[in-house]
Amino acid sequence: TNVVLPPQLESITSGRQFTSCTSLVSVSYYGAENGEVFPHTLTNMGTGALFSQCSSLKSHPDISRFTTIPSSTFTGCKLIKFAAEELRHLTYIGDSAFNGCGDIEGDLVFDNLT
């Protein structure tokens, strides 16, 4: 299953939209380039568990513009790998946000966690 988001999406108001969607393979938006997952207008990923237990999800989300990752957002997304450098800028990481992800490569050093 593939999901295509609207290009002007600004916010996902709650969470759990795709929770346990084990057949979800990719997420993108209309007009996406280079495999982008989220439109540039999206600044809020909701309250948590957005992609929790999406075990077939292969899309690698660019989280560089987000400062917070809600609880359980990527829990169980075993095919998604993150580089530690991608996470360095985060100011808040919710409980189990990356639990069960494929891998976090490199040394995690956070500059701004509160």
Protein backbone atom coordinates (compact mmCIF):
# COMPACT_ATOMS: atom_id res chain seq x y z
CA THR A 1 0.00 0.00 0.00
CA ASN A 2 1.21 3.50 -0.87
CA VAL A 3 -0.11 6.72 0.64
CA VAL A 4 0.11 10.08 -1.13
CA LEU A 5 -0.42 13.13 1.05
CA PRO A 6 -1.67 16.51 -0.20
CA PRO A 7 1.22 18.88 -0.97
CA GLN A 8 -0.09 21.70 1.26
CA LEU A 9 -0.61 19.55 4.37
CA GLU A 10 0.42 21.62 7.41
CA SER A 11 -0.54 19.52 10.39
CA ILE A 12 -1.63 16.05 11.41
CA THR A 13 -3.90 16.88 14.32
CA SER A 14 -3.87 13.61 16.18
CA GLY A 15 -1.83 10.48 15.79
CA ARG A 16 -2.45 6.89 14.87
CA GLN A 17 -3.57 7.58 11.28
CA PHE A 18 -1.45 4.73 9.96
CA THR A 19 -0.93 2.71 13.15
CA SER A 20 -0.60 -1.03 12.53
CA CYS A 21 -0.92 -0.62 8.77
CA THR A 22 1.46 -3.50 8.14
CA SER A 23 0.97 -3.35 4.36
CA LEU A 24 2.01 0.32 4.14
CA VAL A 25 5.20 0.40 2.06
CA SER A 26 5.62 4.05 1.11
CA VAL A 27 4.44 7.53 1.97
CA SER A 28 4.98 10.57 -0.22
CA TYR A 29 3.11 13.65 -1.36
CA TYR A 30 1.95 14.99 -4.72
CA GLY A 31 4.93 16.59 -6.43
CA ALA A 32 7.52 14.95 -4.16
CA GLU A 33 11.08 14.85 -5.40
CA ASN A 34 13.88 12.46 -4.48
CA GLY A 35 11.67 10.17 -2.42
CA GLU A 36 10.52 12.87 0.01
CA VAL A 37 7.92 11.65 2.49
CA PHE A 38 6.48 14.81 4.05
CA PRO A 39 5.56 18.02 2.23
CA HIS A 40 7.65 21.05 3.25
CA THR A 41 4.52 22.68 4.68
CA LEU A 42 4.06 19.97 7.32
CA THR A 43 5.28 21.20 10.72
CA ASN A 44 3.27 19.04 13.13
CA MET A 45 3.22 15.22 13.15
CA GLY A 46 0.38 14.95 15.65
CA THR A 47 0.28 13.49 19.12
CA GLY A 48 1.96 10.16 18.53
CA ALA A 49 1.99 6.70 17.00
CA LEU A 50 1.65 8.08 13.46
CA PHE A 51 3.46 5.14 11.81
CA SER A 52 3.58 2.80 14.82
CA GLN A 53 3.86 -0.87 13.81
CA CYS A 54 4.06 -0.11 10.07
CA SER A 55 6.53 -2.94 9.71
CA SER A 56 6.69 -2.82 5.89
CA LEU A 57 7.25 0.94 5.62
CA LYS A 58 10.39 1.64 3.59
CA SER A 59 10.04 5.40 3.03
CA HIS A 60 12.72 7.31 4.89
CA PRO A 61 11.16 10.47 6.35
CA ASP A 62 13.14 13.70 6.47
CA ILE A 63 12.65 14.81 10.05
CA SER A 64 15.10 17.70 9.88
CA ARG A 65 12.43 20.40 10.09
CA PHE A 66 10.70 18.91 13.14
CA THR A 67 11.91 19.69 16.64
CA THR A 68 9.75 17.11 18.38
CA ILE A 69 9.00 13.49 17.64
CA PRO A 70 5.85 12.35 19.47
CA SER A 71 5.61 9.09 21.40
CA SER A 72 5.64 5.85 19.39
CA THR A 73 5.81 7.70 16.06
CA PHE A 74 8.11 5.16 14.39
CA THR A 75 7.75 2.23 16.82
CA GLY A 76 8.09 -1.07 15.00
CA CYS A 77 9.16 0.48 11.69
CA LYS A 78 11.91 -2.07 11.37
CA LEU A 79 12.85 -1.17 7.78
CA ILE A 80 13.52 2.51 8.49
CA LYS A 81 17.04 3.48 9.46
CA PHE A 82 18.10 6.84 10.79
CA ALA A 83 21.54 8.39 10.99
CA ALA A 84 22.31 9.79 14.43
CA GLU A 85 23.08 13.16 12.83
CA GLU A 86 19.45 13.39 11.65
CA LEU A 87 18.27 13.32 15.27
CA ARG A 88 20.78 15.72 16.80
CA HIS A 89 18.62 18.85 16.47
CA LEU A 90 15.57 17.41 18.27
CA THR A 91 14.40 19.14 21.43
CA TYR A 92 11.90 16.45 22.47
CA ILE A 93 11.62 12.73 21.77
CA GLY A 94 8.48 11.03 23.07
CA ASP A 95 8.43 7.64 24.76
CA SER A 96 9.36 4.79 22.43
CA ALA A 97 9.46 7.15 19.43
CA PHE A 98 12.05 5.02 17.65
CA ASN A 99 11.58 1.71 19.48
CA GLY A 100 12.02 -1.18 17.08
CA CYS A 101 13.32 0.91 14.17
CA GLY A 102 15.73 -0.81 11.84
CA ASP A 103 18.77 1.00 13.16
CA ILE A 104 20.12 4.30 14.33
CA GLU A 105 23.59 4.57 12.85
CA GLY A 106 26.31 6.50 14.65
CA ASP A 107 26.68 8.04 18.07
CA LEU A 108 23.68 9.90 19.43
CA VAL A 109 24.66 13.33 20.72
CA PHE A 110 21.86 15.77 21.45
CA ASP A 111 22.43 19.48 21.70
CA ASN A 112 18.94 20.64 22.63
CA LEU A 113 16.92 17.97 24.43
CA THR A 114 14.85 19.30 27.30
